[in-house]
Amino acid sequence: LPTKPYIQVQGQGTLTVIPDMAHLTATVEKTGQDLQVTRAEVERRATQVINAAKSLGIESKDITAAGITVWPEYHWQNNTQTYVGQHVSRRIYITLRNLSEYADLVGALVKAGIATVSSTTLDRSDMPQLRQQALAKAVEDAHQRALVIAKAAGVELGGVYSITENSGFSPRPMVMASLTASKSGAADYEPGNIEVTADVSMVYLLKQAR
């Protein structure tokens, strides 16, 4: 911090936007006594899931299939641990660039044999530009705060001594995404909105009284 008189302020910039894409994590899993058979079944269903996504026009670059995970599964009953079998799972990450196809995609994935869609993260295709806009708003917000404080204190702002970005630009969901039935009986996806935020800390020097 400067040795001369200064004002330190925080600023935040927020943009509320409608998402136009989503990142989904789908899990294929199965527990069985025979590891080789169980793994083959998970691999088969994972292939079906990938093919289902591609059938909707999703490109290979937007599909990532993680490696197989295996661990022994036990159940507790009457204070006794019982071996159930080998649990095999595989996660598949899908980027959907057309949200209107979300319900169709989930339906196709379920039909193909996924166990769960463990997460859906909403996003924007123009996120870099939105981040810049949010950052600019954060700087303007900090400047206005500094002006108000200086005026109330009867001092005058000088130049900017430092600007620090305090956080990243993770888009924050405002409204929970949901699947609802339409009049036709099909499922519609309501993505709601997301917030893109930026935070900065600014230090202004104060002009010396004449």
Protein backbone atom coordinates (compact mmCIF):
# COMPACT_ATOMS: atom_id res chain seq x y z
CA LEU A 1 0.00 0.00 0.00
CA PRO A 2 1.17 3.57 -0.64
CA THR A 3 2.76 5.73 2.05
CA LYS A 4 0.68 8.71 0.91
CA PRO A 5 -3.02 9.18 1.81
CA TYR A 6 -5.23 6.79 -0.16
CA ILE A 7 -8.67 5.18 -0.46
CA GLN A 8 -9.09 1.45 -1.00
CA VAL A 9 -12.38 0.22 -2.46
CA GLN A 10 -13.95 -2.98 -3.76
CA GLY A 11 -15.99 -3.23 -6.94
CA GLN A 12 -18.21 -5.90 -8.42
CA GLY A 13 -19.57 -6.34 -11.92
CA THR A 14 -22.45 -8.70 -12.63
CA LEU A 15 -24.10 -9.73 -15.88
CA THR A 16 -27.31 -11.75 -15.96
CA VAL A 17 -27.53 -13.81 -19.13
CA ILE A 18 -29.47 -16.72 -20.59
CA PRO A 19 -27.19 -19.75 -21.12
CA ASP A 20 -26.92 -21.22 -24.60
CA MET A 21 -24.88 -24.36 -23.85
CA ALA A 22 -24.32 -26.92 -21.10
CA HIS A 23 -21.70 -29.37 -19.87
CA LEU A 24 -23.11 -32.72 -18.72
CA THR A 25 -21.48 -35.52 -16.75
CA ALA A 26 -23.10 -38.91 -17.35
CA THR A 27 -22.15 -42.03 -15.38
CA VAL A 28 -22.41 -45.63 -16.54
CA GLU A 29 -21.96 -48.13 -13.69
CA LYS A 30 -22.66 -51.70 -12.69
CA THR A 31 -21.77 -54.08 -9.86
CA GLY A 32 -21.18 -57.77 -10.53
CA GLN A 33 -19.35 -60.83 -9.25
CA ASP A 34 -17.42 -61.36 -12.47
CA LEU A 35 -15.19 -58.35 -13.09
CA GLN A 36 -14.55 -59.15 -16.74
CA VAL A 37 -18.24 -59.54 -17.54
CA THR A 38 -19.21 -56.43 -15.53
CA ARG A 39 -16.52 -54.32 -17.17
CA ALA A 40 -17.56 -55.47 -20.64
CA GLU A 41 -21.17 -54.49 -19.88
CA VAL A 42 -20.12 -51.02 -18.72
CA GLU A 43 -17.95 -50.60 -21.82
CA ARG A 44 -20.85 -51.67 -24.04
CA ARG A 45 -23.26 -49.21 -22.44
CA ALA A 46 -20.66 -46.43 -22.54
CA THR A 47 -20.31 -46.98 -26.28
CA GLN A 48 -24.09 -46.78 -26.62
CA VAL A 49 -24.11 -43.50 -24.68
CA ILE A 50 -21.42 -42.01 -26.92
CA ASN A 51 -23.24 -43.16 -30.05
CA ALA A 52 -26.52 -41.72 -28.71
CA ALA A 53 -24.86 -38.34 -28.22
CA LYS A 54 -23.35 -38.43 -31.70
CA SER A 55 -26.75 -39.34 -33.18
CA LEU A 56 -27.99 -35.93 -32.01
CA GLY A 57 -25.22 -34.20 -33.92
CA ILE A 58 -22.80 -33.75 -31.02
CA GLU A 59 -19.26 -33.79 -32.36
CA SER A 60 -16.51 -36.07 -31.08
CA LYS A 61 -14.55 -33.08 -29.75
CA ASP A 62 -17.45 -32.38 -27.37
CA ILE A 63 -17.45 -35.92 -25.93
CA THR A 64 -14.85 -37.16 -23.45
CA ALA A 65 -14.98 -40.65 -21.96
CA ALA A 66 -12.95 -41.04 -18.78
CA GLY A 67 -11.16 -44.25 -17.84
CA ILE A 68 -12.81 -47.17 -16.09
CA THR A 69 -12.97 -47.05 -12.28
CA VAL A 70 -13.19 -50.30 -10.31
CA TRP A 71 -13.57 -50.96 -6.60
CA PRO A 72 -14.96 -53.75 -4.40
CA GLU A 73 -18.46 -53.02 -3.12
CA TYR A 74 -19.64 -54.12 0.32
CA HIS A 75 -22.97 -53.83 2.13
CA TRP A 76 -23.41 -53.66 5.87
CA GLN A 77 -26.22 -55.66 7.40
CA ASN A 78 -26.62 -56.61 11.06
CA ASN A 79 -23.12 -55.29 11.75
CA THR A 80 -21.73 -57.67 9.16
CA GLN A 81 -19.85 -56.60 6.05
CA THR A 82 -20.91 -58.59 3.00
CA TYR A 83 -19.06 -58.57 -0.30
CA VAL A 84 -21.45 -57.69 -3.14
CA GLY A 85 -19.10 -57.65 -6.09
CA GLN A 86 -16.86 -55.41 -8.18
CA HIS A 87 -18.30 -51.98 -8.89
CA VAL A 88 -17.33 -50.69 -12.32
CA SER A 89 -18.07 -47.16 -13.48
CA ARG A 90 -17.17 -44.80 -16.29
CA ARG A 91 -17.91 -41.11 -16.62
CA ILE A 92 -18.69 -39.46 -19.92
CA TYR A 93 -18.45 -35.68 -20.30
CA ILE A 94 -20.60 -34.07 -22.98
CA THR A 95 -20.77 -30.46 -24.15
CA LEU A 96 -24.17 -29.60 -25.56
CA ARG A 97 -24.10 -26.49 -27.73
CA ASN A 98 -27.84 -26.36 -28.40
CA LEU A 99 -29.87 -26.27 -25.18
CA SER A 100 -33.11 -26.94 -27.01
CA GLU A 101 -31.84 -30.51 -27.42
CA TYR A 102 -31.20 -31.07 -23.71
CA ALA A 103 -34.34 -33.12 -23.07
CA ASP A 104 -33.70 -35.22 -26.18
CA LEU A 105 -30.11 -35.80 -25.09
CA VAL A 106 -31.02 -36.88 -21.55
CA GLY A 107 -33.71 -39.17 -22.91
CA ALA A 108 -31.27 -40.74 -25.36
CA LEU A 109 -28.64 -41.19 -22.65
CA VAL A 110 -31.06 -42.86 -20.27
CA LYS A 111 -32.24 -45.18 -23.04
CA ALA A 112 -28.62 -45.99 -23.86
CA GLY A 113 -27.99 -47.16 -20.30
CA ILE A 114 -26.55 -44.39 -18.14
CA ALA A 115 -27.07 -44.63 -14.38
CA THR A 116 -27.17 -40.89 -13.67
CA VAL A 117 -26.58 -37.45 -15.12
CA SER A 118 -24.58 -36.39 -12.08
CA SER A 119 -24.14 -32.75 -13.03
CA THR A 120 -25.21 -30.17 -15.58
CA THR A 121 -23.24 -26.92 -15.74
CA LEU A 122 -24.77 -24.10 -17.75
CA ASP A 123 -22.48 -21.96 -19.86
CA ARG A 124 -22.30 -19.38 -22.64
CA SER A 125 -20.52 -19.70 -25.96
CA ASP A 126 -19.38 -16.06 -25.68
CA MET A 127 -18.13 -16.35 -22.09
CA PRO A 128 -14.74 -14.66 -22.74
CA GLN A 129 -16.48 -11.51 -23.96
CA LEU A 130 -18.94 -11.60 -21.05
CA ARG A 131 -16.07 -11.91 -18.59
CA GLN A 132 -14.45 -8.81 -20.02
CA GLN A 133 -17.72 -6.90 -19.73
CA ALA A 134 -18.17 -8.01 -16.12
CA LEU A 135 -14.61 -6.95 -15.31
CA ALA A 136 -15.17 -3.51 -16.85
CA LYS A 137 -18.33 -3.11 -14.76
CA ALA A 138 -16.42 -4.08 -11.63
CA VAL A 139 -13.81 -1.40 -12.27
CA GLU A 140 -16.52 1.21 -12.88
CA ASP A 141 -18.31 0.14 -9.70
CA ALA A 142 -15.11 0.54 -7.67
CA HIS A 143 -14.49 3.97 -9.20
CA GLN A 144 -17.98 5.18 -8.32
CA ARG A 145 -17.56 3.94 -4.75
CA ALA A 146 -14.28 5.80 -4.46
CA LEU A 147 -15.90 9.01 -5.72
CA VAL A 148 -18.71 8.74 -3.16
CA ILE A 149 -16.30 8.11 -0.29
CA ALA A 150 -13.99 10.95 -1.33
CA LYS A 151 -16.87 13.41 -1.65
CA ALA A 152 -18.30 12.46 1.74
CA ALA A 153 -14.86 12.87 3.32
CA GLY A 154 -14.26 16.22 1.65
CA VAL A 155 -11.20 15.06 -0.27
CA GLU A 156 -10.38 14.71 -3.95
CA LEU A 157 -9.36 11.56 -5.77
CA GLY A 158 -5.96 11.38 -7.38
CA GLY A 159 -4.64 8.69 -9.69
CA VAL A 160 -5.08 4.95 -9.46
CA TYR A 161 -2.28 3.33 -7.45
CA SER A 162 -3.23 -0.30 -8.05
CA ILE A 163 -5.98 -2.57 -9.38
CA THR A 164 -6.27 -6.19 -8.27
CA GLU A 165 -8.63 -8.82 -9.61
CA ASN A 166 -9.98 -10.63 -6.56
CA SER A 167 -11.65 -13.65 -8.10
CA GLY A 168 -12.17 -15.72 -11.19
CA PHE A 169 -15.17 -15.59 -13.47
CA SER A 170 -17.20 -18.66 -12.57
CA PRO A 171 -20.73 -18.25 -13.90
CA ARG A 172 -23.15 -18.60 -11.00
CA PRO A 173 -26.54 -20.23 -11.60
CA MET A 174 -29.46 -17.98 -10.63
CA VAL A 175 -32.36 -20.31 -11.34
CA MET A 176 -32.23 -24.08 -11.00
CA ALA A 177 -32.46 -25.77 -14.37
CA SER A 178 -35.35 -28.16 -14.64
CA LEU A 179 -37.20 -30.54 -16.91
CA THR A 180 -40.93 -29.92 -17.20
CA ALA A 181 -43.64 -31.58 -19.23
CA SER A 182 -44.94 -29.62 -22.16
CA LYS A 183 -48.50 -29.74 -23.47
CA SER A 184 -47.45 -32.36 -25.98
CA GLY A 185 -46.19 -34.58 -23.17
CA ALA A 186 -42.52 -34.18 -24.13
CA ALA A 187 -40.01 -32.78 -21.69
CA ASP A 188 -38.90 -29.18 -22.11
CA TYR A 189 -35.73 -27.78 -20.57
CA GLU A 190 -35.93 -24.49 -18.69
CA PRO A 191 -32.34 -23.33 -18.13
CA GLY A 192 -33.17 -20.12 -16.25
CA ASN A 193 -30.37 -17.55 -16.04
CA ILE A 194 -26.76 -17.47 -14.95
CA GLU A 195 -24.70 -14.66 -13.44
CA VAL A 196 -21.22 -13.82 -14.64
CA THR A 197 -19.38 -11.89 -11.94
CA ALA A 198 -16.04 -10.15 -11.51
CA ASP A 199 -14.54 -8.53 -8.40
CA VAL A 200 -11.72 -6.03 -8.16
CA SER A 201 -9.90 -4.12 -5.46
CA MET A 202 -8.63 -0.62 -6.30
CA VAL A 203 -6.41 1.82 -4.46
CA TYR A 204 -6.67 5.53 -5.27
CA LEU A 205 -4.22 8.16 -4.11
CA LEU A 206 -5.74 11.33 -2.68
CA LYS A 207 -4.82 14.74 -4.00
CA GLN A 208 -3.04 16.84 -1.47
CA ALA A 209 -4.85 19.95 -0.29
CA ARG A 210 -3.47 23.14 -1.79
